[in-house]
């Protein structure tokens, strides 16, 4: 999702691990962002918790597992990626 949104020119990716590690350049990026869009894989919201713990704002968040067909592997179908990316663009008003 985030790669597709970046390639479409709708977003810029930022590694949540670097935010969790307190990387100043990445925290500054989050501060300067017009909107912080957080993409969580599952309902436990790990990516959102990283931003919350770092004191960064979340302008839009999504839990993508709600919208994916359940599969026993980590394979996500490109149709699902495109559908969720379009949903993020519309709902987050990118």
PDB file of N, CA and C in Angstrom:
ATOM      1  N   UNK A   1       0.819  -1.175   0.000  1.00  0.00           N
ATOM      2  CA  UNK A   1       0.000   0.000   0.000  1.00  0.00           C
ATOM      3  C   UNK A   1       0.871   1.251   0.000  1.00  0.00           C
ATOM      4  N   UNK A   2       1.777   1.332   0.970  1.00  0.00           N
ATOM      5  CA  UNK A   2       2.582   2.543   1.080  1.00  0.00           C
ATOM      6  C   UNK A   2       3.495   2.739  -0.122  1.00  0.00           C
ATOM      7  N   UNK A   3       4.002   1.676  -0.716  1.00  0.00           N
ATOM      8  CA  UNK A   3       4.830   1.796  -1.923  1.00  0.00           C
ATOM      9  C   UNK A   3       3.972   2.316  -3.070  1.00  0.00           C
ATOM     10  N   UNK A   4       2.783   1.765  -3.224  1.00  0.00           N
ATOM     11  CA  UNK A   4       1.891   2.211  -4.290  1.00  0.00           C
ATOM     12  C   UNK A   4       1.511   3.676  -4.094  1.00  0.00           C
ATOM     13  N   UNK A   5       1.139   4.062  -2.888  1.00  0.00           N
ATOM     14  CA  UNK A   5       0.781   5.463  -2.620  1.00  0.00           C
ATOM     15  C   UNK A   5       1.960   6.397  -2.891  1.00  0.00           C
ATOM     16  N   UNK A   6       3.160   5.968  -2.544  1.00  0.00           N
ATOM     17  CA  UNK A   6       4.351   6.764  -2.816  1.00  0.00           C
ATOM     18  C   UNK A   6       4.578   6.886  -4.319  1.00  0.00           C
ATOM     19  N   UNK A   7       4.469   5.768  -5.037  1.00  0.00           N
ATOM     20  CA  UNK A   7       4.682   5.787  -6.486  1.00  0.00           C
ATOM     21  C   UNK A   7       3.626   6.608  -7.213  1.00  0.00           C
ATOM     22  N   UNK A   8       2.445   6.722  -6.651  1.00  0.00           N
ATOM     23  CA  UNK A   8       1.384   7.542  -7.239  1.00  0.00           C
ATOM     24  C   UNK A   8       1.567   9.025  -6.914  1.00  0.00           C
ATOM     25  N   UNK A   9       2.545   9.337  -6.061  1.00  0.00           N
ATOM     26  CA  UNK A   9       2.775  10.727  -5.669  1.00  0.00           C
ATOM     27  C   UNK A   9       1.786  11.233  -4.633  1.00  0.00           C
ATOM     28  N   UNK A  10       1.107  10.313  -3.958  1.00  0.00           N
ATOM     29  CA  UNK A  10       0.099  10.677  -2.956  1.00  0.00           C
ATOM     30  C   UNK A  10       0.666  10.718  -1.546  1.00  0.00           C
ATOM     31  N   UNK A  11       1.820  10.106  -1.332  1.00  0.00           N
ATOM     32  CA  UNK A  11       2.367   9.991   0.018  1.00  0.00           C
ATOM     33  C   UNK A  11       3.873   9.823  -0.056  1.00  0.00           C
ATOM     34  N   UNK A  12       4.493   9.887   1.107  1.00  0.00           N
ATOM     35  CA  UNK A  12       5.913   9.600   1.241  1.00  0.00           C
ATOM     36  C   UNK A  12       6.059   8.598   2.376  1.00  0.00           C
ATOM     37  N   UNK A  13       6.745   7.507   2.097  1.00  0.00           N
ATOM     38  CA  UNK A  13       6.889   6.462   3.113  1.00  0.00           C
ATOM     39  C   UNK A  13       7.841   6.900   4.220  1.00  0.00           C
ATOM     40  N   UNK A  14       7.546   6.427   5.406  1.00  0.00           N
ATOM     41  CA  UNK A  14       8.430   6.606   6.553  1.00  0.00           C
ATOM     42  C   UNK A  14       8.400   5.306   7.348  1.00  0.00           C
ATOM     43  N   UNK A  15       9.550   4.828   7.708  1.00  0.00           N
ATOM     44  CA  UNK A  15       9.663   3.569   8.433  1.00  0.00           C
ATOM     45  C   UNK A  15       9.206   3.759   9.881  1.00  0.00           C
ATOM     46  N   UNK A  16       8.210   2.979  10.306  1.00  0.00           N
ATOM     47  CA  UNK A  16       7.718   3.105  11.676  1.00  0.00           C
ATOM     48  C   UNK A  16       8.757   2.656  12.696  1.00  0.00           C
ATOM     49  N   UNK A  17       9.651   1.766  12.302  1.00  0.00           N
ATOM     50  CA  UNK A  17      10.698   1.316  13.220  1.00  0.00           C
ATOM     51  C   UNK A  17      11.627   2.468  13.580  1.00  0.00           C
ATOM     52  N   UNK A  18      11.934   3.313  12.609  1.00  0.00           N
ATOM     53  CA  UNK A  18      12.808   4.457  12.906  1.00  0.00           C
ATOM     54  C   UNK A  18      12.098   5.456  13.812  1.00  0.00           C
ATOM     55  N   UNK A  19      10.796   5.584  13.662  1.00  0.00           N
ATOM     56  CA  UNK A  19      10.028   6.449  14.565  1.00  0.00           C
ATOM     57  C   UNK A  19      10.076   5.867  15.974  1.00  0.00           C
ATOM     58  N   UNK A  20       9.876   4.553  16.089  1.00  0.00           N
ATOM     59  CA  UNK A  20       9.936   3.893  17.401  1.00  0.00           C
ATOM     60  C   UNK A  20      11.308   4.034  18.039  1.00  0.00           C
ATOM     61  N   UNK A  21      12.351   4.036  17.208  1.00  0.00           N
ATOM     62  CA  UNK A  21      13.728   4.152  17.718  1.00  0.00           C
ATOM     63  C   UNK A  21      14.086   5.591  18.078  1.00  0.00           C
ATOM     64  N   UNK A  22      13.184   6.518  17.781  1.00  0.00           N
ATOM     65  CA  UNK A  22      13.442   7.913  18.130  1.00  0.00           C
ATOM     66  C   UNK A  22      14.376   8.628  17.169  1.00  0.00           C
ATOM     67  N   UNK A  23      14.466   8.174  15.935  1.00  0.00           N
ATOM     68  CA  UNK A  23      15.323   8.806  14.927  1.00  0.00           C
ATOM     69  C   UNK A  23      14.852  10.234  14.674  1.00  0.00           C
ATOM     70  N   UNK A  24      15.692  11.194  15.000  1.00  0.00           N
ATOM     71  CA  UNK A  24      15.306  12.600  14.878  1.00  0.00           C
ATOM     72  C   UNK A  24      14.874  12.974  13.460  1.00  0.00           C
ATOM     73  N   UNK A  25      15.619  12.581  12.413  1.00  0.00           N
ATOM     74  CA  UNK A  25      15.153  12.956  11.069  1.00  0.00           C
ATOM     75  C   UNK A  25      13.753  12.426  10.745  1.00  0.00           C
ATOM     76  N   UNK A  26      13.440  11.229  11.229  1.00  0.00           N
ATOM     77  CA  UNK A  26      12.124  10.652  10.945  1.00  0.00           C
ATOM     78  C   UNK A  26      11.028  11.276  11.814  1.00  0.00           C
ATOM     79  N   UNK A  27      11.353  11.601  13.045  1.00  0.00           N
ATOM     80  CA  UNK A  27      10.385  12.305  13.882  1.00  0.00           C
ATOM     81  C   UNK A  27      10.115  13.694  13.320  1.00  0.00           C
ATOM     82  N   UNK A  28      11.165  14.358  12.827  1.00  0.00           N
ATOM     83  CA  UNK A  28      10.994  15.671  12.195  1.00  0.00           C
ATOM     84  C   UNK A  28      10.119  15.563  10.948  1.00  0.00           C
ATOM     85  N   UNK A  29      10.308  14.484  10.176  1.00  0.00           N
ATOM     86  CA  UNK A  29       9.494  14.251   8.981  1.00  0.00           C
ATOM     87  C   UNK A  29       8.015  14.133   9.369  1.00  0.00           C
ATOM     88  N   UNK A  30       7.743  13.415  10.438  1.00  0.00           N
ATOM     89  CA  UNK A  30       6.362  13.255  10.907  1.00  0.00           C
ATOM     90  C   UNK A  30       5.789  14.593  11.367  1.00  0.00           C
ATOM     91  N   UNK A  31       6.608  15.398  12.011  1.00  0.00           N
ATOM     92  CA  UNK A  31       6.160  16.725  12.465  1.00  0.00           C
ATOM     93  C   UNK A  31       5.813  17.636  11.293  1.00  0.00           C
ATOM     94  N   UNK A  32       6.620  17.576  10.233  1.00  0.00           N
ATOM     95  CA  UNK A  32       6.440  18.460   9.074  1.00  0.00           C
ATOM     96  C   UNK A  32       5.375  17.966   8.098  1.00  0.00           C
ATOM     97  N   UNK A  33       4.983  16.722   8.208  1.00  0.00           N
ATOM     98  CA  UNK A  33       4.040  16.151   7.242  1.00  0.00           C
ATOM     99  C   UNK A  33       2.701  16.885   7.264  1.00  0.00           C
ATOM    100  N   UNK A  34       2.135  17.053   6.071  1.00  0.00           N
ATOM    101  CA  UNK A  34       0.794  17.639   5.990  1.00  0.00           C
ATOM    102  C   UNK A  34      -0.201  16.731   6.699  1.00  0.00           C
ATOM    103  N   UNK A  35      -0.051  15.431   6.466  1.00  0.00           N
ATOM    104  CA  UNK A  35      -0.911  14.427   7.099  1.00  0.00           C
ATOM    105  C   UNK A  35      -0.065  13.208   7.393  1.00  0.00           C
ATOM    106  N   UNK A  36      -0.252  12.641   8.571  1.00  0.00           N
ATOM    107  CA  UNK A  36       0.372  11.363   8.912  1.00  0.00           C
ATOM    108  C   UNK A  36      -0.677  10.272   8.711  1.00  0.00           C
ATOM    109  N   UNK A  37      -0.423   9.433   7.712  1.00  0.00           N
ATOM    110  CA  UNK A  37      -1.306   8.324   7.374  1.00  0.00           C
ATOM    111  C   UNK A  37      -0.642   7.057   7.914  1.00  0.00           C
ATOM    112  N   UNK A  38      -1.307   6.369   8.825  1.00  0.00           N
ATOM    113  CA  UNK A  38      -0.721   5.183   9.440  1.00  0.00           C
ATOM    114  C   UNK A  38      -1.471   3.946   8.954  1.00  0.00           C
ATOM    115  N   UNK A  39      -0.706   3.003   8.383  1.00  0.00           N
ATOM    116  CA  UNK A  39      -1.285   1.780   7.844  1.00  0.00           C
ATOM    117  C   UNK A  39      -0.927   0.625   8.778  1.00  0.00           C
ATOM    118  N   UNK A  40      -1.941   0.101   9.454  1.00  0.00           N
ATOM    119  CA  UNK A  40      -1.780  -1.031  10.362  1.00  0.00           C
ATOM    120  C   UNK A  40      -2.148  -2.310   9.632  1.00  0.00           C
ATOM    121  N   UNK A  41      -1.383  -3.360   9.867  1.00  0.00           N
ATOM    122  CA  UNK A  41      -1.690  -4.634   9.250  1.00  0.00           C
ATOM    123  C   UNK A  41      -2.865  -5.329   9.912  1.00  0.00           C
ATOM    124  N   UNK A  42      -2.902  -5.275  11.241  1.00  0.00           N
ATOM    125  CA  UNK A  42      -3.921  -6.021  11.979  1.00  0.00           C
ATOM    126  C   UNK A  42      -4.555  -5.137  13.050  1.00  0.00           C
ATOM    127  N   UNK A  43      -5.564  -5.674  13.714  1.00  0.00           N
ATOM    128  CA  UNK A  43      -6.350  -4.907  14.679  1.00  0.00           C
ATOM    129  C   UNK A  43      -5.570  -4.479  15.924  1.00  0.00           C
ATOM    130  N   UNK A  44      -4.401  -5.050  16.162  1.00  0.00           N
ATOM    131  CA  UNK A  44      -3.645  -4.625  17.349  1.00  0.00           C
ATOM    132  C   UNK A  44      -3.017  -3.247  17.168  1.00  0.00           C
ATOM    133  N   UNK A  45      -3.015  -2.697  15.942  1.00  0.00           N
ATOM    134  CA  UNK A  45      -2.623  -1.311  15.665  1.00  0.00           C
ATOM    135  C   UNK A  45      -1.181  -0.987  16.067  1.00  0.00           C
ATOM    136  N   UNK A  46      -0.240  -1.863  15.797  1.00  0.00           N
ATOM    137  CA  UNK A  46       1.156  -1.643  16.187  1.00  0.00           C
ATOM    138  C   UNK A  46       1.725  -0.345  15.618  1.00  0.00           C
ATOM    139  N   UNK A  47       1.487  -0.083  14.345  1.00  0.00           N
ATOM    140  CA  UNK A  47       2.035   1.132  13.733  1.00  0.00           C
ATOM    141  C   UNK A  47       1.453   2.379  14.392  1.00  0.00           C
ATOM    142  N   UNK A  48       0.165   2.374  14.674  1.00  0.00           N
ATOM    143  CA  UNK A  48      -0.453   3.520  15.352  1.00  0.00           C
ATOM    144  C   UNK A  48       0.113   3.708  16.751  1.00  0.00           C
ATOM    145  N   UNK A  49       0.336   2.612  17.452  1.00  0.00           N
ATOM    146  CA  UNK A  49       0.901   2.696  18.803  1.00  0.00           C
ATOM    147  C   UNK A  49       2.305   3.286  18.778  1.00  0.00           C
ATOM    148  N   UNK A  50       3.082   2.974  17.738  1.00  0.00           N
ATOM    149  CA  UNK A  50       4.420   3.566  17.600  1.00  0.00           C
ATOM    150  C   UNK A  50       4.292   5.088  17.514  1.00  0.00           C
ATOM    151  N   UNK A  51       3.394   5.571  16.663  1.00  0.00           N
ATOM    152  CA  UNK A  51       3.206   7.011  16.521  1.00  0.00           C
ATOM    153  C   UNK A  51       2.694   7.633  17.815  1.00  0.00           C
ATOM    154  N   UNK A  52       1.738   6.983  18.467  1.00  0.00           N
ATOM    155  CA  UNK A  52       1.197   7.491  19.726  1.00  0.00           C
ATOM    156  C   UNK A  52       2.285   7.563  20.790  1.00  0.00           C
ATOM    157  N   UNK A  53       3.084   6.508  20.920  1.00  0.00           N
ATOM    158  CA  UNK A  53       4.152   6.488  21.921  1.00  0.00           C
ATOM    159  C   UNK A  53       5.221   7.528  21.646  1.00  0.00           C
ATOM    160  N   UNK A  54       5.412   7.885  20.376  1.00  0.00           N
ATOM    161  CA  UNK A  54       6.390   8.905  20.006  1.00  0.00           C
ATOM    162  C   UNK A  54       5.807  10.315  20.142  1.00  0.00           C
ATOM    163  N   UNK A  55       4.520  10.402  20.474  1.00  0.00           N
ATOM    164  CA  UNK A  55       3.879  11.704  20.625  1.00  0.00           C
ATOM    165  C   UNK A  55       3.559  12.366  19.291  1.00  0.00           C
ATOM    166  N   UNK A  56       3.498  11.583  18.226  1.00  0.00           N
ATOM    167  CA  UNK A  56       3.207  12.121  16.900  1.00  0.00           C
ATOM    168  C   UNK A  56       1.717  12.015  16.611  1.00  0.00           C
ATOM    169  N   UNK A  57       1.221  12.971  15.860  1.00  0.00           N
ATOM    170  CA  UNK A  57      -0.207  12.974  15.525  1.00  0.00           C
ATOM    171  C   UNK A  57      -0.494  11.947  14.431  1.00  0.00           C
ATOM    172  N   UNK A  58      -1.700  11.448  14.438  1.00  0.00           N
ATOM    173  CA  UNK A  58      -2.192  10.547  13.402  1.00  0.00           C
ATOM    174  C   UNK A  58      -3.402  11.234  12.787  1.00  0.00           C
ATOM    175  N   UNK A  59      -3.294  11.535  11.500  1.00  0.00           N
ATOM    176  CA  UNK A  59      -4.399  12.206  10.826  1.00  0.00           C
ATOM    177  C   UNK A  59      -5.383  11.216  10.217  1.00  0.00           C
ATOM    178  N   UNK A  60      -4.898  10.044   9.887  1.00  0.00           N
ATOM    179  CA  UNK A  60      -5.750   8.992   9.330  1.00  0.00           C
ATOM    180  C   UNK A  60      -5.064   7.669   9.601  1.00  0.00           C
ATOM    181  N   UNK A  61      -5.845   6.676  10.005  1.00  0.00           N
ATOM    182  CA  UNK A  61      -5.287   5.341  10.188  1.00  0.00           C
ATOM    183  C   UNK A  61      -6.256   4.317   9.636  1.00  0.00           C
ATOM    184  N   UNK A  62      -5.696   3.189   9.235  1.00  0.00           N
ATOM    185  CA  UNK A  62      -6.494   2.109   8.677  1.00  0.00           C
ATOM    186  C   UNK A  62      -5.912   0.782   9.158  1.00  0.00           C
ATOM    187  N   UNK A  63      -6.776  -0.187   9.338  1.00  0.00           N
ATOM    188  CA  UNK A  63      -6.376  -1.563   9.651  1.00  0.00           C
ATOM    189  C   UNK A  63      -6.724  -2.388   8.417  1.00  0.00           C
ATOM    190  N   UNK A  64      -5.700  -2.766   7.648  1.00  0.00           N
ATOM    191  CA  UNK A  64      -5.974  -3.371   6.349  1.00  0.00           C
ATOM    192  C   UNK A  64      -6.496  -4.799   6.423  1.00  0.00           C
ATOM    193  N   UNK A  65      -6.264  -5.495   7.530  1.00  0.00           N
ATOM    194  CA  UNK A  65      -6.746  -6.880   7.618  1.00  0.00           C
ATOM    195  C   UNK A  65      -8.267  -6.959   7.518  1.00  0.00           C
ATOM    196  N   UNK A  66      -8.965  -5.874   7.812  1.00  0.00           N
ATOM    197  CA  UNK A  66     -10.419  -5.842   7.688  1.00  0.00           C
ATOM    198  C   UNK A  66     -10.870  -5.978   6.237  1.00  0.00           C
ATOM    199  N   UNK A  67      -9.989  -5.610   5.321  1.00  0.00           N
ATOM    200  CA  UNK A  67     -10.376  -5.519   3.917  1.00  0.00           C
ATOM    201  C   UNK A  67      -9.737  -6.584   3.032  1.00  0.00           C
ATOM    202  N   UNK A  68      -8.971  -7.483   3.629  1.00  0.00           N
ATOM    203  CA  UNK A  68      -8.270  -8.509   2.859  1.00  0.00           C
ATOM    204  C   UNK A  68      -8.974  -9.847   2.971  1.00  0.00           C
ATOM    205  N   UNK A  69      -8.905 -10.602   1.901  1.00  0.00           N
ATOM    206  CA  UNK A  69      -9.367 -11.984   1.968  1.00  0.00           C
ATOM    207  C   UNK A  69      -8.388 -12.751   2.845  1.00  0.00           C
ATOM    208  N   UNK A  70      -8.899 -13.531   3.755  1.00  0.00           N
ATOM    209  CA  UNK A  70      -8.024 -14.279   4.656  1.00  0.00           C
ATOM    210  C   UNK A  70      -7.313 -15.387   3.885  1.00  0.00           C
ATOM    211  N   UNK A  71      -5.981 -15.341   3.927  1.00  0.00           N
ATOM    212  CA  UNK A  71      -5.174 -16.370   3.288  1.00  0.00           C
ATOM    213  C   UNK A  71      -4.167 -16.884   4.304  1.00  0.00           C
ATOM    214  N   UNK A  72      -3.734 -18.117   4.115  1.00  0.00           N
ATOM    215  CA  UNK A  72      -2.825 -18.720   5.099  1.00  0.00           C
ATOM    216  C   UNK A  72      -1.374 -18.278   4.903  1.00  0.00           C
ATOM    217  N   UNK A  73      -1.096 -17.555   3.842  1.00  0.00           N
ATOM    218  CA  UNK A  73       0.259 -17.063   3.607  1.00  0.00           C
ATOM    219  C   UNK A  73       0.258 -15.544   3.749  1.00  0.00           C
ATOM    220  N   UNK A  74       1.407 -14.950   3.558  1.00  0.00           N
ATOM    221  CA  UNK A  74       1.495 -13.493   3.606  1.00  0.00           C
ATOM    222  C   UNK A  74       1.242 -12.853   2.248  1.00  0.00           C
ATOM    223  N   UNK A  75       0.819 -13.646   1.284  1.00  0.00           N
ATOM    224  CA  UNK A  75       0.545 -13.117  -0.048  1.00  0.00           C
ATOM    225  C   UNK A  75      -0.678 -12.215  -0.010  1.00  0.00           C
ATOM    226  N   UNK A  76      -0.503 -10.999  -0.478  1.00  0.00           N
ATOM    227  CA  UNK A  76      -1.616 -10.068  -0.614  1.00  0.00           C
ATOM    228  C   UNK A  76      -1.795  -9.836  -2.104  1.00  0.00           C
ATOM    229  N   UNK A  77      -2.999 -10.012  -2.585  1.00  0.00           N
ATOM    230  CA  UNK A  77      -3.276  -9.865  -4.006  1.00  0.00           C
ATOM    231  C   UNK A  77      -3.231  -8.392  -4.407  1.00  0.00           C
ATOM    232  N   UNK A  78      -2.655  -8.105  -5.580  1.00  0.00           N
ATOM    233  CA  UNK A  78      -2.510  -6.730  -6.049  1.00  0.00           C
ATOM    234  C   UNK A  78      -3.858  -6.026  -6.157  1.00  0.00           C
ATOM    235  N   UNK A  79      -4.914  -6.746  -6.486  1.00  0.00           N
ATOM    236  CA  UNK A  79      -6.239  -6.120  -6.535  1.00  0.00           C
ATOM    237  C   UNK A  79      -6.625  -5.556  -5.173  1.00  0.00           C
ATOM    238  N   UNK A  80      -6.294  -6.288  -4.098  1.00  0.00           N
ATOM    239  CA  UNK A  80      -6.578  -5.812  -2.750  1.00  0.00           C
ATOM    240  C   UNK A  80      -5.723  -4.588  -2.418  1.00  0.00           C
ATOM    241  N   UNK A  81      -4.464  -4.618  -2.812  1.00  0.00           N
ATOM    242  CA  UNK A  81      -3.569  -3.482  -2.570  1.00  0.00           C
ATOM    243  C   UNK A  81      -4.128  -2.232  -3.240  1.00  0.00           C
ATOM    244  N   UNK A  82      -4.521  -2.350  -4.492  1.00  0.00           N
ATOM    245  CA  UNK A  82      -5.057  -1.204  -5.225  1.00  0.00           C
ATOM    246  C   UNK A  82      -6.353  -0.696  -4.602  1.00  0.00           C
ATOM    247  N   UNK A  83      -7.217  -1.636  -4.190  1.00  0.00           N
ATOM    248  CA  UNK A  83      -8.498  -1.256  -3.591  1.00  0.00           C
ATOM    249  C   UNK A  83      -8.278  -0.483  -2.287  1.00  0.00           C
ATOM    250  N   UNK A  84      -7.389  -0.972  -1.446  1.00  0.00           N
ATOM    251  CA  UNK A  84      -7.134  -0.312  -0.164  1.00  0.00           C
ATOM    252  C   UNK A  84      -6.418   1.012  -0.372  1.00  0.00           C
ATOM    253  N   UNK A  85      -5.475   1.065  -1.320  1.00  0.00           N
ATOM    254  CA  UNK A  85      -4.795   2.332  -1.615  1.00  0.00           C
ATOM    255  C   UNK A  85      -5.806   3.377  -2.066  1.00  0.00           C
ATOM    256  N   UNK A  86      -6.738   3.000  -2.919  1.00  0.00           N
ATOM    257  CA  UNK A  86      -7.758   3.938  -3.376  1.00  0.00           C
ATOM    258  C   UNK A  86      -8.644   4.385  -2.215  1.00  0.00           C
ATOM    259  N   UNK A  87      -8.968   3.463  -1.319  1.00  0.00           N
ATOM    260  CA  UNK A  87      -9.760   3.800  -0.137  1.00  0.00           C
ATOM    261  C   UNK A  87      -9.029   4.833   0.718  1.00  0.00           C
ATOM    262  N   UNK A  88      -7.722   4.642   0.915  1.00  0.00           N
ATOM    263  CA  UNK A  88      -6.920   5.589   1.702  1.00  0.00           C
ATOM    264  C   UNK A  88      -6.908   6.947   1.029  1.00  0.00           C
ATOM    265  N   UNK A  89      -6.699   6.992  -0.279  1.00  0.00           N
ATOM    266  CA  UNK A  89      -6.688   8.263  -1.019  1.00  0.00           C
ATOM    267  C   UNK A  89      -7.998   9.006  -0.807  1.00  0.00           C
ATOM    268  N   UNK A  90      -9.103   8.291  -0.920  1.00  0.00           N
ATOM    269  CA  UNK A  90     -10.431   8.936  -0.782  1.00  0.00           C
ATOM    270  C   UNK A  90     -10.718   9.333   0.660  1.00  0.00           C
ATOM    271  N   UNK A  91     -10.529   8.418   1.603  1.00  0.00           N
ATOM    272  CA  UNK A  91     -10.898   8.693   2.994  1.00  0.00           C
ATOM    273  C   UNK A  91      -9.974   9.701   3.666  1.00  0.00           C
ATOM    274  N   UNK A  92      -8.677   9.658   3.325  1.00  0.00           N
ATOM    275  CA  UNK A  92      -7.728  10.591   3.928  1.00  0.00           C
ATOM    276  C   UNK A  92      -7.634  11.888   3.135  1.00  0.00           C
ATOM    277  N   UNK A  93      -8.375  11.950   2.038  1.00  0.00           N
ATOM    278  CA  UNK A  93      -8.410  13.128   1.175  1.00  0.00           C
ATOM    279  C   UNK A  93      -7.019  13.525   0.712  1.00  0.00           C
ATOM    280  N   UNK A  94      -6.313  12.549   0.117  1.00  0.00           N
ATOM    281  CA  UNK A  94      -4.967  12.802  -0.392  1.00  0.00           C
ATOM    282  C   UNK A  94      -5.012  13.343  -1.804  1.00  0.00           C
TER     283      UNK A  94
END
